[in-house]
Amino acid sequence: MCSHNADRSQMAAALLAHRAGDAVTVSSVGTHLTEDVEPFVAQALTEAGVDLIDAYPEPLTEEVVEASDVVITMGCGDPCPVMPGRRYLDWPAPDPDGAPISLVRDARDAIDTRITELIAELGA
């Protein structure tokens, strides 16, 4: 999750879904939604071979957290419902909102490194 669900969380969800395939179910949510995913985010993911065709900002709900085993926040500091039995991770990453494509790529790569580590931990 991130505030607008238009950049970091969308990148993390798309990269995780792409890398782990059917081994995981991924949701991407935010607390203060915008209308669309940032264009440079879509470009940076396309360059990495990841498609965002079905991505759109979605609200954070307790039901999403209840359905999750791992909840990942992207360093935005927004409150997230805390449910027993869930693993919570915070992955601060540069905010690509309005940033040049080079910084969006840096954010993508930082998130992708964490995704690779998470997949290894989960054995997915």
Protein backbone atom coordinates (compact mmCIF):
# COMPACT_ATOMS: atom_id res chain seq x y z
CA MET A 1 0.00 0.00 0.00
CA CYS A 2 0.95 3.63 -0.50
CA SER A 3 -0.96 6.87 -0.27
CA HIS A 4 -2.23 7.31 -3.82
CA ASN A 5 -1.92 3.74 -5.07
CA ALA A 6 -0.67 5.19 -8.32
CA ASP A 7 3.05 4.55 -8.21
CA ARG A 8 5.12 2.59 -5.62
CA SER A 9 2.44 0.14 -4.55
CA GLN A 10 1.37 -0.45 -8.15
CA MET A 11 5.00 -1.15 -9.09
CA ALA A 12 5.45 -3.54 -6.17
CA ALA A 13 2.21 -5.40 -6.93
CA ALA A 14 2.94 -5.68 -10.65
CA LEU A 15 6.53 -6.84 -10.10
CA LEU A 16 5.50 -9.39 -7.46
CA ALA A 17 2.68 -10.78 -9.61
CA HIS A 18 5.01 -10.94 -12.62
CA ARG A 19 7.87 -12.63 -10.77
CA ALA A 20 5.85 -15.03 -8.55
CA GLY A 21 3.06 -15.86 -10.99
CA ASP A 22 0.31 -18.00 -9.52
CA ALA A 23 2.32 -18.70 -6.35
CA VAL A 24 0.91 -15.52 -4.75
CA THR A 25 -2.20 -13.40 -4.88
CA VAL A 26 -1.42 -9.69 -4.94
CA SER A 27 -3.52 -6.64 -4.07
CA SER A 28 -2.42 -3.03 -4.38
CA VAL A 29 -4.24 -0.37 -2.36
CA GLY A 30 -3.98 3.21 -1.13
CA THR A 31 -5.42 5.59 1.41
CA HIS A 32 -5.81 8.77 -0.72
CA LEU A 33 -6.47 7.52 -4.22
CA THR A 34 -5.77 9.29 -7.47
CA GLU A 35 -7.57 8.44 -10.70
CA ASP A 36 -4.86 6.65 -12.66
CA VAL A 37 -1.48 4.99 -12.36
CA GLU A 38 1.35 7.45 -13.06
CA PRO A 39 2.41 7.29 -16.76
CA PHE A 40 6.16 7.02 -15.96
CA VAL A 41 5.37 4.09 -13.64
CA ALA A 42 3.65 2.29 -16.50
CA GLN A 43 6.59 3.11 -18.79
CA ALA A 44 9.21 1.88 -16.31
CA LEU A 45 7.31 -1.38 -15.78
CA THR A 46 6.84 -1.90 -19.52
CA GLU A 47 10.60 -1.50 -19.94
CA ALA A 48 11.03 -4.31 -17.39
CA GLY A 49 8.60 -6.56 -19.28
CA VAL A 50 5.73 -6.05 -16.82
CA ASP A 51 2.22 -5.16 -18.00
CA LEU A 52 -0.08 -2.82 -16.08
CA ILE A 53 -3.11 -3.22 -18.33
CA ASP A 54 -5.56 -4.06 -15.52
CA ALA A 55 -4.04 -1.77 -12.86
CA TYR A 56 -6.07 1.01 -11.29
CA PRO A 57 -6.00 2.66 -7.85
CA GLU A 58 -8.03 0.80 -5.21
CA PRO A 59 -8.91 1.80 -1.62
CA LEU A 60 -7.36 0.28 1.49
CA THR A 61 -10.00 -1.71 3.38
CA GLU A 62 -9.91 -3.96 6.42
CA GLU A 63 -11.04 -6.82 4.18
CA VAL A 64 -7.90 -6.51 2.04
CA VAL A 65 -5.71 -6.64 5.15
CA GLU A 66 -7.70 -9.56 6.60
CA ALA A 67 -7.18 -11.51 3.37
CA SER A 68 -3.41 -10.90 3.43
CA ASP A 69 -0.59 -12.89 4.95
CA VAL A 70 1.96 -10.13 4.28
CA VAL A 71 1.13 -6.41 4.26
CA ILE A 72 3.73 -4.13 2.71
CA THR A 73 3.69 -0.37 3.09
CA MET A 74 5.88 1.74 0.86
CA GLY A 75 7.26 4.24 3.36
CA CYS A 76 4.35 6.63 3.03
CA GLY A 77 3.54 6.73 6.75
CA ASP A 78 -0.21 6.31 6.23
CA PRO A 79 -2.05 4.25 8.84
CA CYS A 80 -2.83 0.65 8.01
CA PRO A 81 -5.21 -1.61 9.92
CA VAL A 82 -3.25 -3.99 12.14
CA MET A 83 -4.62 -7.52 12.24
CA PRO A 84 -3.24 -10.38 14.32
CA GLY A 85 -1.31 -13.01 12.42
CA ARG A 86 -0.23 -10.73 9.58
CA ARG A 87 3.37 -9.95 8.73
CA TYR A 88 3.96 -6.22 8.22
CA LEU A 89 6.87 -4.86 6.20
CA ASP A 90 7.76 -1.27 5.33
CA TRP A 91 9.71 -0.77 2.12
CA PRO A 92 10.63 2.92 1.83
CA ALA A 93 11.25 3.76 -1.81
CA PRO A 94 11.70 7.06 -3.62
CA ASP A 95 8.32 8.60 -4.44
CA PRO A 96 8.05 8.62 -8.24
CA ASP A 97 5.09 11.02 -8.29
CA GLY A 98 6.07 13.76 -10.75
CA ALA A 99 9.69 12.51 -10.86
CA PRO A 100 11.70 12.14 -14.06
CA ILE A 101 11.76 8.69 -15.61
CA SER A 102 15.32 8.05 -14.35
CA LEU A 103 14.15 8.34 -10.73
CA VAL A 104 11.09 6.18 -11.46
CA ARG A 105 13.44 3.50 -12.80
CA ASP A 106 15.53 3.79 -9.61
CA ALA A 107 12.38 3.30 -7.52
CA ARG A 108 11.37 0.32 -9.69
CA ASP A 109 14.78 -1.29 -9.27
CA ALA A 110 14.82 -0.76 -5.49
CA ILE A 111 11.36 -2.30 -5.19
CA ASP A 112 12.31 -5.17 -7.51
CA THR A 113 15.28 -6.04 -5.28
CA ARG A 114 12.94 -6.33 -2.29
CA ILE A 115 10.47 -8.38 -4.36
CA THR A 116 13.24 -10.85 -5.24
CA GLU A 117 14.14 -11.18 -1.54
CA LEU A 118 10.49 -11.64 -0.51
CA ILE A 119 9.90 -14.35 -3.12
CA ALA A 120 12.96 -16.21 -1.84
CA GLU A 121 11.74 -15.90 1.78
CA LEU A 122 8.27 -17.15 0.86
CA GLY A 123 9.62 -19.95 -1.28
CA ALA A 124 7.28 -18.80 -4.06
